[in-house]
N, C-alpha and C. Protein backbone atom coordinates (compact mmCIF):
# COMPACT_ATOMS: atom_id res chain seq x y z
N MET A 1 -19.56 3.41 -38.34
CA MET A 1 -18.07 3.85 -38.35
C MET A 1 -17.58 3.84 -39.62
N THR A 2 -16.78 4.70 -39.74
CA THR A 2 -16.01 4.94 -41.14
C THR A 2 -15.09 4.01 -41.39
N GLY A 3 -14.59 3.60 -42.80
CA GLY A 3 -13.56 2.52 -42.79
C GLY A 3 -12.37 2.93 -42.15
N PRO A 4 -11.84 4.05 -42.33
CA PRO A 4 -11.00 4.57 -41.59
C PRO A 4 -10.83 4.16 -39.77
N ALA A 5 -11.88 4.37 -39.52
CA ALA A 5 -12.23 4.56 -37.77
C ALA A 5 -11.87 2.79 -37.65
N ILE A 6 -12.55 2.07 -38.42
CA ILE A 6 -12.40 0.64 -38.06
C ILE A 6 -11.20 -0.08 -38.35
N LEU A 7 -10.36 0.61 -39.32
CA LEU A 7 -9.06 0.17 -39.86
C LEU A 7 -7.99 0.54 -38.31
N LEU A 8 -8.33 1.67 -37.91
CA LEU A 8 -7.55 2.33 -36.74
C LEU A 8 -7.97 1.56 -35.45
N MET A 9 -9.11 0.81 -35.12
CA MET A 9 -9.54 0.12 -33.97
C MET A 9 -9.03 -1.22 -34.30
N ALA A 10 -8.69 -1.71 -35.40
CA ALA A 10 -8.26 -3.06 -35.64
C ALA A 10 -7.02 -3.14 -35.53
N LEU A 11 -6.23 -2.05 -36.05
CA LEU A 11 -4.58 -1.98 -35.69
C LEU A 11 -4.78 -1.90 -34.15
N PHE A 12 -4.96 -0.94 -33.69
CA PHE A 12 -4.75 -0.59 -32.15
C PHE A 12 -5.13 -2.04 -31.34
N ILE A 13 -6.21 -2.70 -31.69
CA ILE A 13 -6.43 -3.66 -30.96
C ILE A 13 -5.61 -4.88 -31.10
N LEU A 14 -4.84 -4.95 -32.44
CA LEU A 14 -3.72 -5.98 -32.59
C LEU A 14 -2.75 -5.42 -31.95
N VAL A 15 -2.26 -4.42 -31.74
CA VAL A 15 -1.49 -3.66 -30.72
C VAL A 15 -1.40 -3.92 -29.49
N ILE A 16 -2.44 -3.87 -29.17
CA ILE A 16 -2.43 -4.05 -27.43
C ILE A 16 -2.63 -5.31 -27.10
N TRP A 17 -3.21 -6.12 -27.73
CA TRP A 17 -2.96 -7.63 -27.55
C TRP A 17 -1.92 -8.47 -27.88
N GLY A 18 -1.32 -7.92 -28.99
CA GLY A 18 -0.18 -8.29 -29.53
C GLY A 18 0.91 -8.11 -28.52
N GLY A 19 0.77 -6.83 -27.80
CA GLY A 19 1.55 -6.60 -26.58
C GLY A 19 1.63 -7.48 -25.46
N LEU A 20 0.38 -7.77 -25.16
CA LEU A 20 -0.37 -8.62 -23.73
C LEU A 20 0.26 -9.97 -24.17
N VAL A 21 0.38 -10.65 -25.37
CA VAL A 21 0.79 -11.74 -25.98
C VAL A 21 2.31 -11.99 -25.77
N ALA A 22 2.97 -11.00 -26.06
CA ALA A 22 4.60 -10.95 -26.06
C ALA A 22 4.85 -10.76 -24.59
N ALA A 23 4.40 -9.99 -24.01
CA ALA A 23 4.63 -10.04 -22.50
C ALA A 23 4.54 -11.35 -21.70
N VAL A 24 3.46 -11.90 -21.87
CA VAL A 24 3.06 -13.29 -21.48
C VAL A 24 4.28 -14.29 -21.89
N LEU A 25 4.37 -14.35 -23.24
CA LEU A 25 5.38 -15.21 -23.62
C LEU A 25 6.93 -15.04 -23.09
N MET A 26 7.15 -13.73 -22.98
CA MET A 26 8.60 -13.33 -22.29
C MET A 26 8.72 -13.66 -20.82
N LEU A 27 7.30 -13.68 -20.03
CA LEU A 27 7.28 -13.76 -18.62
C LEU A 27 7.25 -15.17 -18.61
N ALA A 28 7.07 -16.18 -19.34
CA ALA A 28 6.76 -17.58 -19.40
C ALA A 28 8.18 -18.24 -19.57
N LYS A 29 9.07 -17.45 -20.40
CA LYS A 29 10.42 -17.90 -20.57
C LYS A 29 11.47 -17.51 -19.53
N THR A 30 10.87 -16.69 -18.65
CA THR A 30 12.09 -15.97 -17.59
C THR A 30 12.09 -16.89 -16.53
N ASP A 31 13.40 -17.02 -15.90
CA ASP A 31 13.76 -17.95 -14.85
C ASP A 31 13.45 -17.14 -13.70
N ASP A 32 12.64 -17.62 -12.79
CA ASP A 32 12.09 -16.79 -11.75
C ASP A 32 13.52 -16.66 -10.65
N ASN A 33 14.12 -17.76 -10.63
CA ASN A 33 15.38 -17.90 -9.37
C ASN A 33 16.54 -17.12 -9.75
N THR A 34 16.45 -16.06 -11.03
CA THR A 34 17.71 -15.31 -11.34
C THR A 34 17.01 -14.18 -11.66
N THR A 35 15.68 -13.65 -11.27
CA THR A 35 15.38 -12.45 -11.74
C THR A 35 14.73 -11.58 -10.28
N GLY A 36 14.67 -10.13 -10.23
CA GLY A 36 13.97 -9.84 -9.18
C GLY A 36 15.36 -9.20 -8.11
N GLU A 37 14.81 -8.70 -7.31
CA GLU A 37 15.57 -7.74 -6.56
C GLU A 37 16.74 -8.60 -5.55
N LEU A 38 16.37 -9.90 -5.53
CA LEU A 38 17.18 -10.81 -4.88
C LEU A 38 18.11 -11.70 -5.97
N GLY A 39 17.63 -12.24 -6.91
CA GLY A 39 18.13 -12.88 -7.88
C GLY A 39 18.68 -14.10 -7.35
N SER A 40 20.34 -14.13 -7.22
CA SER A 40 20.73 -15.23 -7.16
C SER A 40 22.09 -15.20 -5.71
N ALA A 41 21.47 -14.09 -5.12
CA ALA A 41 22.56 -13.53 -4.10
C ALA A 41 22.47 -14.39 -3.12
N PRO A 42 23.60 -14.52 -2.54
CA PRO A 42 23.88 -15.43 -1.40
C PRO A 42 22.69 -15.49 -0.02
N GLY A 43 22.60 -16.60 0.18
CA GLY A 43 21.25 -16.55 1.17
C GLY A 43 20.02 -16.45 0.88
N THR A 44 19.80 -16.55 -0.73
CA THR A 44 18.47 -16.79 -1.09
C THR A 44 17.99 -17.85 -1.90
N ASP A 45 19.15 -19.08 -1.70
CA ASP A 45 18.21 -20.45 -2.03
C ASP A 45 17.26 -21.03 -1.23
N ASN A 46 16.72 -21.85 -1.57
CA ASN A 46 15.37 -22.47 -0.97
C ASN A 46 16.11 -22.97 0.54
N GLU A 47 17.09 -23.59 0.63
CA GLU A 47 17.26 -23.94 1.94
C GLU A 47 17.63 -22.99 2.81
N SER A 48 18.40 -21.93 2.60
CA SER A 48 18.37 -20.74 3.53
C SER A 48 17.31 -20.26 3.86
N LEU A 49 16.43 -20.16 2.94
CA LEU A 49 15.15 -19.00 3.07
C LEU A 49 14.28 -20.13 3.87
N LEU A 50 14.24 -21.30 3.75
CA LEU A 50 13.26 -22.31 4.56
C LEU A 50 13.90 -22.26 5.76
N ALA A 51 15.35 -22.60 6.25
CA ALA A 51 15.93 -22.34 7.67
C ALA A 51 15.39 -20.87 8.24
N GLU A 52 15.57 -19.91 7.74
CA GLU A 52 15.18 -18.35 8.13
C GLU A 52 13.91 -18.38 8.45
N SER A 53 12.83 -19.03 7.74
CA SER A 53 11.50 -18.92 8.10
C SER A 53 11.15 -19.72 9.12
N ALA A 54 11.80 -20.88 9.45
CA ALA A 54 11.36 -21.82 10.33
C ALA A 54 12.19 -21.24 11.52
N SER A 55 13.15 -20.50 11.56
CA SER A 55 13.52 -20.05 12.88
C SER A 55 12.93 -18.77 13.26
N THR A 56 12.10 -18.00 12.19
CA THR A 56 11.40 -16.92 12.50
C THR A 56 10.13 -17.17 13.34
N ILE A 57 9.72 -18.42 12.80
CA ILE A 57 8.22 -19.17 13.40
C ILE A 57 8.61 -19.81 14.83
N ALA A 58 9.61 -20.24 15.16
CA ALA A 58 10.05 -20.55 16.27
C ALA A 58 9.86 -19.76 17.67
N ARG A 59 10.15 -18.55 17.06
CA ARG A 59 10.45 -17.50 17.97
C ARG A 59 9.09 -17.19 18.55
């Protein structure tokens, strides 16, 4: 391989793995209770969801 090819390969490896590391770090800092489709909507707390699940299983 030529010098420029190795340089570009190293650059793109750093970009891709750096993006992966950045994504993992950002996801690790994100609070799961306030993100996503439900977020902090009424009726989505643990107690409400467990009660709903228990009533569905009892049917």
